[in-house]
Amino acid sequence: MSAEAGSARKLVIQPAGGIGQHAGRLQTFAEPLTARLVDAGTGDQVSGVPVTFSWVSTTQQVLFKENEITVTVPTDRQGFARTPALVAGDVDGTATFTVTAEGAEPAHFEVTVVP
């Protein structure tokens, strides 16, 4: 079951992949960040809703392919939103992404760049 974009339902962003992974400097992470959007009341997946992944750091640690710091992708039929590839910068440390969708509280996903 799905909900249409712009509905008044309360939504929840759930981590669904790519969280907690590590990559070496200037390497591509093995998995994209993946969020699942569900209806808070029913637990049903929500399709067709834009989900924004924004890197929230002041040092270069992780960028999306094409050197973007923010991407917006719609949820698929199962409620999943997947980013393009993530590329580690040349600074070690944890990179935090804020994940947002209309009607949902923001979530925070992290990945780590290692030496």
N, C-alpha and C. Protein backbone atom coordinates (compact mmCIF):
# COMPACT_ATOMS: atom_id res chain seq x y z
N MET A 1 0.85 -1.17 0.00
CA MET A 1 0.00 0.00 0.00
C MET A 1 0.89 1.22 0.00
N SER A 2 0.46 2.31 -0.64
CA SER A 2 1.26 3.53 -0.68
C SER A 2 0.38 4.74 -0.42
N ALA A 3 1.05 5.83 -0.11
CA ALA A 3 0.37 7.10 0.10
C ALA A 3 0.85 8.07 -0.96
N GLU A 4 0.02 8.98 -1.33
CA GLU A 4 0.41 9.95 -2.33
C GLU A 4 1.22 11.06 -1.69
N ALA A 5 2.14 11.66 -2.49
CA ALA A 5 2.92 12.78 -2.01
C ALA A 5 1.98 13.91 -1.60
N GLY A 6 2.36 14.61 -0.54
CA GLY A 6 1.56 15.74 -0.11
C GLY A 6 0.43 15.35 0.83
N SER A 7 0.31 14.09 1.19
CA SER A 7 -0.76 13.68 2.09
C SER A 7 -0.48 14.21 3.48
N ALA A 8 -1.52 14.24 4.32
CA ALA A 8 -1.39 14.77 5.67
C ALA A 8 -0.93 13.70 6.66
N ARG A 9 -0.57 12.55 6.22
CA ARG A 9 -0.13 11.47 7.09
C ARG A 9 1.19 11.81 7.76
N LYS A 10 1.40 11.27 8.94
CA LYS A 10 2.67 11.37 9.63
C LYS A 10 3.56 10.26 9.09
N LEU A 11 4.74 10.62 8.62
CA LEU A 11 5.65 9.66 8.02
C LEU A 11 6.89 9.47 8.88
N VAL A 12 7.55 8.34 8.70
CA VAL A 12 8.77 8.03 9.42
C VAL A 12 9.85 7.64 8.41
N ILE A 13 11.05 8.19 8.59
CA ILE A 13 12.20 7.82 7.77
C ILE A 13 12.99 6.76 8.53
N GLN A 14 13.16 5.61 7.91
CA GLN A 14 13.91 4.51 8.53
C GLN A 14 15.20 4.27 7.77
N PRO A 15 16.33 4.06 8.48
CA PRO A 15 17.55 3.66 7.77
C PRO A 15 17.36 2.29 7.15
N ALA A 16 17.81 2.13 5.90
CA ALA A 16 17.59 0.86 5.21
C ALA A 16 18.82 0.37 4.46
N GLY A 17 19.94 1.07 4.58
CA GLY A 17 21.15 0.60 3.91
C GLY A 17 22.22 1.67 3.81
N GLY A 18 23.46 1.23 3.82
CA GLY A 18 24.59 2.13 3.64
C GLY A 18 25.05 2.84 4.90
N ILE A 19 24.31 2.72 5.98
CA ILE A 19 24.63 3.42 7.21
C ILE A 19 25.75 2.68 7.93
N GLY A 20 26.70 3.43 8.50
CA GLY A 20 27.77 2.84 9.28
C GLY A 20 28.92 2.25 8.48
N GLN A 21 28.89 2.38 7.17
CA GLN A 21 29.96 1.80 6.36
C GLN A 21 31.20 2.69 6.36
N HIS A 22 32.32 2.11 5.97
CA HIS A 22 33.61 2.79 5.93
C HIS A 22 34.19 2.71 4.52
N ALA A 23 34.93 3.75 4.14
CA ALA A 23 35.68 3.74 2.88
C ALA A 23 36.98 4.49 3.09
N GLY A 24 37.99 4.12 2.34
CA GLY A 24 39.27 4.82 2.38
C GLY A 24 39.16 6.17 1.69
N ARG A 25 40.12 7.01 1.95
CA ARG A 25 40.16 8.34 1.33
C ARG A 25 40.04 8.23 -0.19
N LEU A 26 39.20 9.07 -0.75
CA LEU A 26 38.97 9.19 -2.19
C LEU A 26 38.41 7.92 -2.84
N GLN A 27 37.89 7.00 -2.04
CA GLN A 27 37.30 5.77 -2.55
C GLN A 27 35.78 5.89 -2.59
N THR A 28 35.15 5.07 -3.40
CA THR A 28 33.70 5.03 -3.46
C THR A 28 33.20 4.04 -2.41
N PHE A 29 32.18 4.44 -1.65
CA PHE A 29 31.59 3.55 -0.66
C PHE A 29 30.90 2.39 -1.37
N ALA A 30 30.84 1.24 -0.72
CA ALA A 30 30.28 0.02 -1.32
C ALA A 30 28.79 0.14 -1.61
N GLU A 31 28.05 0.86 -0.76
CA GLU A 31 26.59 0.95 -0.91
C GLU A 31 26.13 2.40 -0.91
N PRO A 32 25.03 2.69 -1.61
CA PRO A 32 24.44 4.02 -1.49
C PRO A 32 23.74 4.13 -0.13
N LEU A 33 23.45 5.34 0.30
CA LEU A 33 22.59 5.52 1.46
C LEU A 33 21.17 5.18 1.03
N THR A 34 20.46 4.45 1.87
CA THR A 34 19.09 4.06 1.54
C THR A 34 18.20 4.33 2.74
N ALA A 35 17.10 5.00 2.48
CA ALA A 35 16.09 5.27 3.50
C ALA A 35 14.79 4.63 3.06
N ARG A 36 13.98 4.25 4.03
CA ARG A 36 12.64 3.74 3.72
C ARG A 36 11.65 4.67 4.39
N LEU A 37 10.64 5.07 3.66
CA LEU A 37 9.62 5.97 4.17
C LEU A 37 8.35 5.17 4.43
N VAL A 38 7.87 5.23 5.67
CA VAL A 38 6.67 4.49 6.04
C VAL A 38 5.66 5.40 6.73
N ASP A 39 4.41 5.00 6.67
CA ASP A 39 3.32 5.69 7.35
C ASP A 39 3.44 5.35 8.84
N ALA A 40 3.51 6.35 9.71
CA ALA A 40 3.68 6.11 11.15
C ALA A 40 2.49 5.37 11.75
N GLY A 41 1.31 5.56 11.22
CA GLY A 41 0.12 4.94 11.77
C GLY A 41 -0.08 3.49 11.36
N THR A 42 0.26 3.18 10.13
CA THR A 42 -0.01 1.84 9.61
C THR A 42 1.23 0.99 9.37
N GLY A 43 2.39 1.65 9.24
CA GLY A 43 3.62 0.92 8.91
C GLY A 43 3.76 0.63 7.43
N ASP A 44 2.78 1.08 6.62
CA ASP A 44 2.83 0.85 5.17
C ASP A 44 3.92 1.71 4.53
N GLN A 45 4.58 1.15 3.51
CA GLN A 45 5.56 1.92 2.76
C GLN A 45 4.86 3.04 2.00
N VAL A 46 5.62 4.11 1.75
CA VAL A 46 5.06 5.28 1.07
C VAL A 46 5.87 5.50 -0.21
N SER A 47 5.21 5.44 -1.36
CA SER A 47 5.91 5.59 -2.63
C SER A 47 5.70 6.98 -3.23
N GLY A 48 6.64 7.36 -4.11
CA GLY A 48 6.52 8.59 -4.87
C GLY A 48 6.76 9.87 -4.09
N VAL A 49 7.39 9.79 -2.94
CA VAL A 49 7.66 10.98 -2.13
C VAL A 49 9.14 11.34 -2.24
N PRO A 50 9.48 12.60 -2.53
CA PRO A 50 10.88 13.01 -2.59
C PRO A 50 11.54 12.93 -1.21
N VAL A 51 12.73 12.34 -1.18
CA VAL A 51 13.54 12.27 0.03
C VAL A 51 14.86 12.97 -0.27
N THR A 52 15.26 13.88 0.61
CA THR A 52 16.49 14.64 0.42
C THR A 52 17.55 14.17 1.40
N PHE A 53 18.74 13.89 0.87
CA PHE A 53 19.91 13.52 1.65
C PHE A 53 20.89 14.69 1.54
N SER A 54 21.22 15.31 2.69
CA SER A 54 22.11 16.47 2.69
C SER A 54 23.28 16.22 3.62
N TRP A 55 24.47 16.43 3.12
CA TRP A 55 25.67 16.29 3.92
C TRP A 55 25.78 17.52 4.79
N VAL A 56 25.99 17.35 6.10
CA VAL A 56 25.97 18.48 7.04
C VAL A 56 27.30 18.62 7.77
N SER A 57 28.34 18.90 7.02
CA SER A 57 29.66 19.08 7.62
C SER A 57 30.34 20.26 6.95
N THR A 58 31.35 20.80 7.61
CA THR A 58 32.07 21.93 7.04
C THR A 58 33.40 21.52 6.43
N THR A 59 33.77 20.25 6.54
CA THR A 59 34.99 19.76 5.91
C THR A 59 34.62 18.71 4.88
N GLN A 60 35.44 18.59 3.86
CA GLN A 60 35.13 17.61 2.81
C GLN A 60 35.44 16.21 3.32
N GLN A 61 34.42 15.41 3.50
CA GLN A 61 34.63 14.02 3.89
C GLN A 61 33.92 13.08 2.93
N VAL A 62 32.70 13.39 2.56
CA VAL A 62 31.95 12.51 1.66
C VAL A 62 31.07 13.37 0.76
N LEU A 63 31.10 13.07 -0.52
CA LEU A 63 30.24 13.75 -1.49
C LEU A 63 29.52 12.69 -2.31
N PHE A 64 28.40 13.09 -2.88
CA PHE A 64 27.74 12.21 -3.84
C PHE A 64 28.49 12.30 -5.15
N LYS A 65 28.34 11.29 -5.98
CA LYS A 65 28.95 11.31 -7.31
C LYS A 65 28.61 12.64 -7.98
N GLU A 66 29.51 13.16 -8.75
CA GLU A 66 29.38 14.47 -9.40
C GLU A 66 29.61 15.62 -8.41
N ASN A 67 30.22 15.33 -7.25
CA ASN A 67 30.59 16.33 -6.24
C ASN A 67 29.43 17.10 -5.65
N GLU A 68 28.28 16.47 -5.58
CA GLU A 68 27.10 17.10 -4.98
C GLU A 68 27.08 16.85 -3.47
N ILE A 69 26.60 17.84 -2.69
CA ILE A 69 26.48 17.64 -1.25
C ILE A 69 25.03 17.33 -0.84
N THR A 70 24.11 17.52 -1.77
CA THR A 70 22.69 17.24 -1.53
C THR A 70 22.09 16.57 -2.75
N VAL A 71 21.28 15.54 -2.51
CA VAL A 71 20.52 14.91 -3.58
C VAL A 71 19.10 14.67 -3.10
N THR A 72 18.17 14.72 -4.04
CA THR A 72 16.77 14.40 -3.75
C THR A 72 16.34 13.31 -4.70
N VAL A 73 15.80 12.22 -4.13
CA VAL A 73 15.34 11.09 -4.92
C VAL A 73 13.97 10.66 -4.43
N PRO A 74 13.09 10.21 -5.32
CA PRO A 74 11.76 9.75 -4.89
C PRO A 74 11.82 8.33 -4.33
N THR A 75 10.89 8.03 -3.46
CA THR A 75 10.77 6.65 -2.97
C THR A 75 10.18 5.79 -4.09
N ASP A 76 10.62 4.54 -4.12
CA ASP A 76 10.10 3.59 -5.12
C ASP A 76 8.82 2.94 -4.60
N ARG A 77 8.33 1.93 -5.30
CA ARG A 77 7.06 1.28 -4.93
C ARG A 77 7.10 0.63 -3.56
N GLN A 78 8.29 0.28 -3.08
CA GLN A 78 8.43 -0.33 -1.76
C GLN A 78 8.78 0.70 -0.68
N GLY A 79 8.81 1.98 -1.05
CA GLY A 79 9.09 3.04 -0.09
C GLY A 79 10.56 3.36 0.11
N PHE A 80 11.44 2.80 -0.74
CA PHE A 80 12.87 3.02 -0.59
C PHE A 80 13.35 4.19 -1.45
N ALA A 81 14.26 4.98 -0.90
CA ALA A 81 14.94 6.04 -1.64
C ALA A 81 16.44 5.77 -1.53
N ARG A 82 17.12 5.66 -2.68
CA ARG A 82 18.55 5.35 -2.71
C ARG A 82 19.32 6.49 -3.36
N THR A 83 20.45 6.86 -2.74
CA THR A 83 21.28 7.93 -3.29
C THR A 83 22.15 7.41 -4.42
N PRO A 84 22.70 8.34 -5.19
CA PRO A 84 23.78 7.93 -6.11
C PRO A 84 24.98 7.48 -5.26
N ALA A 85 26.03 7.03 -5.92
CA ALA A 85 27.23 6.58 -5.21
C ALA A 85 27.79 7.68 -4.32
N LEU A 86 28.36 7.26 -3.20
CA LEU A 86 29.04 8.17 -2.27
C LEU A 86 30.53 8.03 -2.47
N VAL A 87 31.23 9.18 -2.51
CA VAL A 87 32.67 9.17 -2.70
C VAL A 87 33.33 9.84 -1.50
N ALA A 88 34.28 9.14 -0.87
CA ALA A 88 34.99 9.69 0.29
C ALA A 88 35.91 10.81 -0.15
N GLY A 89 36.02 11.83 0.70
CA GLY A 89 36.96 12.91 0.46
C GLY A 89 38.34 12.52 0.96
N ASP A 90 39.19 13.51 1.15
CA ASP A 90 40.56 13.23 1.59
C ASP A 90 40.77 13.55 3.06
N VAL A 91 39.67 13.67 3.83
CA VAL A 91 39.73 13.95 5.26
C VAL A 91 39.11 12.78 6.00
N ASP A 92 39.83 12.23 6.97
CA ASP A 92 39.31 11.13 7.78
C ASP A 92 38.22 11.65 8.72
N GLY A 93 37.30 10.78 9.06
CA GLY A 93 36.29 11.12 10.06
C GLY A 93 34.91 10.66 9.65
N THR A 94 33.96 10.98 10.51
CA THR A 94 32.57 10.59 10.29
C THR A 94 31.83 11.70 9.58
N ALA A 95 31.11 11.34 8.55
CA ALA A 95 30.28 12.29 7.81
C ALA A 95 28.82 12.00 8.15
N THR A 96 28.10 13.04 8.48
CA THR A 96 26.69 12.92 8.85
C THR A 96 25.83 13.50 7.74
N PHE A 97 24.77 12.78 7.40
CA PHE A 97 23.80 13.24 6.42
C PHE A 97 22.46 13.42 7.12
N THR A 98 21.78 14.52 6.84
CA THR A 98 20.41 14.72 7.31
C THR A 98 19.49 14.26 6.20
N VAL A 99 18.53 13.44 6.55
CA VAL A 99 17.59 12.88 5.57
C VAL A 99 16.22 13.45 5.90
N THR A 100 15.58 14.07 4.91
CA THR A 100 14.29 14.72 5.13
C THR A 100 13.27 14.32 4.07
N ALA A 101 12.01 14.38 4.48
CA ALA A 101 10.88 14.18 3.57
C ALA A 101 9.71 14.93 4.19
N GLU A 102 8.87 15.50 3.35
CA GLU A 102 7.71 16.23 3.84
C GLU A 102 6.83 15.32 4.69
N GLY A 103 6.48 15.79 5.88
CA GLY A 103 5.62 15.02 6.77
C GLY A 103 6.36 14.09 7.71
N ALA A 104 7.71 14.11 7.67
CA ALA A 104 8.51 13.22 8.52
C ALA A 104 9.53 14.04 9.31
N GLU A 105 9.85 13.56 10.50
CA GLU A 105 10.95 14.13 11.27
C GLU A 105 12.25 13.80 10.56
N PRO A 106 13.23 14.72 10.55
CA PRO A 106 14.51 14.41 9.91
C PRO A 106 15.20 13.23 10.60
N ALA A 107 15.98 12.49 9.82
CA ALA A 107 16.81 11.40 10.34
C ALA A 107 18.26 11.74 10.03
N HIS A 108 19.17 11.09 10.74
CA HIS A 108 20.60 11.35 10.52
C HIS A 108 21.31 10.02 10.27
N PHE A 109 22.00 9.96 9.15
CA PHE A 109 22.74 8.77 8.74
C PHE A 109 24.23 9.12 8.74
N GLU A 110 25.09 8.16 9.14
CA GLU A 110 26.53 8.41 9.19
C GLU A 110 27.30 7.35 8.42
N VAL A 111 28.41 7.80 7.82
CA VAL A 111 29.41 6.93 7.20
C VAL A 111 30.77 7.47 7.64
N THR A 112 31.82 6.65 7.48
CA THR A 112 33.14 7.05 7.97
C THR A 112 34.19 6.92 6.89
N VAL A 113 35.06 7.94 6.82
CA VAL A 113 36.22 7.91 5.95
C VAL A 113 37.41 7.50 6.82
N VAL A 114 38.14 6.47 6.38
CA VAL A 114 39.27 5.96 7.14
C VAL A 114 40.56 6.17 6.37
N PRO A 115 41.70 6.23 7.10
CA PRO A 115 42.98 6.43 6.40
C PRO A 115 43.37 5.23 5.55
